[in-house]
């Protein structure tokens, strides 16, 4: 066997070992990712009753819409309170009795 062929075989062996290590690492990462996915799916099922992405997205949209509606209602209440307080202050300054 020539020196060039032996070197080539050694290079191939080194490359194989490197690729095999990468394969093992990728397999381990895949197992970990699958475990995490299963845990997150179980958590979503428990908390939201589903782990279906489309249903979760729909639920999120509905929650955001409701939150915006609630925020607007709260802002309207705060604006009304501020208006009433301003009226009370004006009434006190002018000597008009409060309602």
Protein backbone atom coordinates (compact mmCIF):
# COMPACT_ATOMS: atom_id res chain seq x y z
CA UNK A 1 0.00 0.00 0.00
CA UNK A 2 1.41 3.35 -0.95
CA UNK A 3 1.89 6.13 1.53
CA UNK A 4 -0.61 8.26 -0.39
CA UNK A 5 -3.32 5.56 -0.13
CA UNK A 6 -2.69 5.08 3.59
CA UNK A 7 -3.00 8.80 4.17
CA UNK A 8 -6.20 8.86 2.22
CA UNK A 9 -7.64 5.99 4.29
CA UNK A 10 -6.62 7.77 7.51
CA UNK A 11 -8.29 10.96 6.30
CA UNK A 12 -11.44 9.01 5.53
CA UNK A 13 -11.38 7.38 8.98
CA UNK A 14 -10.97 10.79 10.63
CA UNK A 15 -13.79 12.22 8.54
CA UNK A 16 -15.99 9.23 9.40
CA UNK A 17 -15.32 9.66 13.13
CA UNK A 18 -16.14 13.36 12.91
CA UNK A 19 -19.37 12.70 11.03
CA UNK A 20 -20.30 9.93 13.47
CA UNK A 21 -19.80 12.30 16.41
CA UNK A 22 -21.99 14.87 14.67
CA UNK A 23 -24.65 12.21 14.06
CA UNK A 24 -24.63 11.20 17.73
CA UNK A 25 -24.82 14.82 18.84
CA UNK A 26 -27.69 15.53 16.40
CA UNK A 27 -29.54 12.45 17.68
CA UNK A 28 -29.15 13.60 21.27
CA UNK A 29 -30.35 17.10 20.39
CA UNK A 30 -33.33 15.64 18.53
CA UNK A 31 -34.30 13.52 21.54
CA UNK A 32 -34.04 16.58 23.78
CA UNK A 33 -36.12 18.70 21.40
CA UNK A 34 -38.78 15.96 21.19
CA UNK A 35 -38.94 15.77 25.00
CA UNK A 36 -39.31 19.54 25.23
CA UNK A 37 -42.02 19.52 22.57
CA UNK A 38 -43.95 16.82 24.41
CA UNK A 39 -43.66 18.76 27.69
CA UNK A 40 -44.85 21.98 26.06
CA UNK A 41 -47.71 20.22 24.33
CA UNK A 42 -48.81 18.69 27.65
CA UNK A 43 -48.57 22.09 29.32
CA UNK A 44 -50.64 23.70 26.54
CA UNK A 45 -53.24 20.92 26.81
CA UNK A 46 -53.47 21.42 30.57
CA UNK A 47 -53.65 25.21 30.46
CA UNK A 48 -55.61 25.84 27.25
CA UNK A 49 -57.28 22.52 26.49
CA UNK A 50 -55.37 22.09 23.23
CA UNK A 51 -51.88 21.94 21.80
CA UNK A 52 -52.99 22.60 18.22
CA UNK A 53 -51.07 25.63 16.93
CA UNK A 54 -53.97 26.99 14.86
CA UNK A 55 -56.37 26.79 17.79
CA UNK A 56 -53.81 28.38 20.12
CA UNK A 57 -53.26 31.22 17.62
CA UNK A 58 -57.03 31.74 17.40
CA UNK A 59 -57.28 31.79 21.20
CA UNK A 60 -54.43 34.31 21.37
CA UNK A 61 -56.16 36.57 18.83
CA UNK A 62 -59.40 36.37 20.84
CA UNK A 63 -57.54 37.18 24.07
CA UNK A 64 -55.81 40.16 22.48
CA UNK A 65 -59.12 41.45 21.10
CA UNK A 66 -60.78 41.08 24.51
CA UNK A 67 -57.82 42.75 26.24
CA UNK A 68 -58.06 45.73 23.88
CA UNK A 69 -61.80 46.00 24.48
CA UNK A 70 -61.25 45.85 28.26
CA UNK A 71 -58.48 48.44 28.02
CA UNK A 72 -60.74 50.81 26.09
CA UNK A 73 -63.55 50.38 28.63
CA UNK A 74 -61.13 51.00 31.51
CA UNK A 75 -59.76 54.09 29.77
CA UNK A 76 -63.31 55.40 29.29
CA UNK A 77 -64.01 54.89 33.00
CA UNK A 78 -60.81 56.70 33.96
CA UNK A 79 -61.65 59.54 31.59
CA UNK A 80 -65.12 59.80 33.14
CA UNK A 81 -63.69 59.85 36.67
CA UNK A 82 -61.20 62.54 35.66
CA UNK A 83 -64.03 64.59 34.11
CA UNK A 84 -66.13 64.24 37.27
CA UNK A 85 -63.20 65.23 39.49
CA UNK A 86 -62.54 68.27 37.34
CA UNK A 87 -66.21 69.22 37.61
CA UNK A 88 -66.09 68.86 41.41
CA UNK A 89 -63.00 71.09 41.53
CA UNK A 90 -64.70 73.69 39.35
CA UNK A 91 -67.86 73.53 41.47
CA UNK A 92 -65.80 73.98 44.64
CA UNK A 93 -64.01 76.97 43.17
CA UNK A 94 -67.25 78.62 42.05
CA UNK A 95 -69.16 77.71 45.21
CA UNK A 96 -71.68 75.51 43.35
CA UNK A 97 -72.83 72.55 45.47
CA UNK A 98 -71.75 69.12 44.29
CA UNK A 99 -74.37 66.73 42.88
